Amino acid sequence: MGLDDKIDNKAEELAGKVKKGVGKATGDEELETEGRVDKAKANVKQAGEKIKDAFKS
């Protein structure tokens, strides 16, 4: 996977952080949970990218 995928994953992680923060600030537990899920998915994708990069070397 290329640089585009890494950028997309990072953007997804940041969006998750924002959702989580907004949900927490407004007391919207559903939005906060959605943000946590989005962030976790992005982190898993990023870990996969790191593993792929390690095997390329």
C-alpha atoms as a PDB file:
ATOM      1  CA  MET A   1       0.000   0.000   0.000  1.00  0.00           C
ATOM      2  CA  GLY A   2       1.180   3.456  -0.736  1.00  0.00           C
ATOM      3  CA  LEU A   3       1.441   6.835   0.798  1.00  0.00           C
ATOM      4  CA  ASP A   4      -2.181   7.576  -0.094  1.00  0.00           C
ATOM      5  CA  ASP A   5      -3.360   4.748   2.164  1.00  0.00           C
ATOM      6  CA  LYS A   6      -1.216   5.993   5.025  1.00  0.00           C
ATOM      7  CA  ILE A   7      -2.653   9.489   4.640  1.00  0.00           C
ATOM      8  CA  ASP A   8      -6.201   8.136   4.493  1.00  0.00           C
ATOM      9  CA  ASN A   9      -5.629   6.075   7.639  1.00  0.00           C
ATOM     10  CA  LYS A  10      -4.229   9.059   9.502  1.00  0.00           C
ATOM     11  CA  ALA A  11      -7.167  11.213   8.377  1.00  0.00           C
ATOM     12  CA  GLU A  12      -9.579   8.531   9.600  1.00  0.00           C
ATOM     13  CA  GLU A  13      -7.790   8.451  12.951  1.00  0.00           C
ATOM     14  CA  LEU A  14      -8.023  12.230  13.300  1.00  0.00           C
ATOM     15  CA  ALA A  15     -11.708  12.192  12.362  1.00  0.00           C
ATOM     16  CA  GLY A  16     -12.268   9.591  15.067  1.00  0.00           C
ATOM     17  CA  LYS A  17     -10.494  11.788  17.607  1.00  0.00           C
ATOM     18  CA  VAL A  18     -12.683  14.736  16.645  1.00  0.00           C
ATOM     19  CA  LYS A  19     -15.896  12.692  16.869  1.00  0.00           C
ATOM     20  CA  LYS A  20     -14.844  11.325  20.237  1.00  0.00           C
ATOM     21  CA  GLY A  21     -14.034  14.800  21.528  1.00  0.00           C
ATOM     22  CA  VAL A  22     -17.249  16.363  20.263  1.00  0.00           C
ATOM     23  CA  GLY A  23     -19.278  13.472  21.661  1.00  0.00           C
ATOM     24  CA  LYS A  24     -17.611  13.809  25.033  1.00  0.00           C
ATOM     25  CA  ALA A  25     -18.028  17.594  25.104  1.00  0.00           C
ATOM     26  CA  THR A  26     -21.701  17.442  24.184  1.00  0.00           C
ATOM     27  CA  GLY A  27     -22.559  14.395  26.257  1.00  0.00           C
ATOM     28  CA  ASP A  28     -23.413  12.372  23.130  1.00  0.00           C
ATOM     29  CA  GLU A  29     -22.274   8.892  24.113  1.00  0.00           C
ATOM     30  CA  GLU A  30     -23.164   7.422  20.713  1.00  0.00           C
ATOM     31  CA  LEU A  31     -20.965   9.924  18.856  1.00  0.00           C
ATOM     32  CA  GLU A  32     -18.156   9.416  21.365  1.00  0.00           C
ATOM     33  CA  THR A  33     -18.345   5.648  20.866  1.00  0.00           C
ATOM     34  CA  GLU A  34     -18.417   6.050  17.086  1.00  0.00           C
ATOM     35  CA  GLY A  35     -15.283   8.181  17.327  1.00  0.00           C
ATOM     36  CA  ARG A  36     -13.530   5.547  19.410  1.00  0.00           C
ATOM     37  CA  VAL A  37     -14.446   2.856  16.857  1.00  0.00           C
ATOM     38  CA  ASP A  38     -13.239   4.963  13.926  1.00  0.00           C
ATOM     39  CA  LYS A  39      -9.971   5.697  15.707  1.00  0.00           C
ATOM     40  CA  ALA A  40      -9.446   2.030  16.582  1.00  0.00           C
ATOM     41  CA  LYS A  41     -10.089   0.923  12.986  1.00  0.00           C
ATOM     42  CA  ALA A  42      -7.583   3.464  11.710  1.00  0.00           C
ATOM     43  CA  ASN A  43      -4.993   2.310  14.240  1.00  0.00           C
ATOM     44  CA  VAL A  44      -5.421  -1.300  13.118  1.00  0.00           C
ATOM     45  CA  LYS A  45      -4.976  -0.261   9.488  1.00  0.00           C
ATOM     46  CA  GLN A  46      -1.855   1.718  10.390  1.00  0.00           C
ATOM     47  CA  ALA A  47      -0.413  -1.271  12.229  1.00  0.00           C
ATOM     48  CA  GLY A  48      -0.999  -3.375   9.126  1.00  0.00           C
ATOM     49  CA  GLU A  49       0.841  -0.813   7.038  1.00  0.00           C
ATOM     50  CA  LYS A  50       3.800  -0.893   9.441  1.00  0.00           C
ATOM     51  CA  ILE A  51       3.955  -4.686   9.224  1.00  0.00           C
ATOM     52  CA  LYS A  52       3.902  -4.547   5.426  1.00  0.00           C
ATOM     53  CA  ASP A  53       6.669  -1.940   5.453  1.00  0.00           C
ATOM     54  CA  ALA A  54       8.775  -4.106   7.777  1.00  0.00           C
ATOM     55  CA  PHE A  55       8.585  -7.043   5.373  1.00  0.00           C
ATOM     56  CA  LYS A  56       9.503  -4.873   2.387  1.00  0.00           C
ATOM     57  CA  SER A  57      12.874  -4.039   3.915  1.00  0.00           C
END
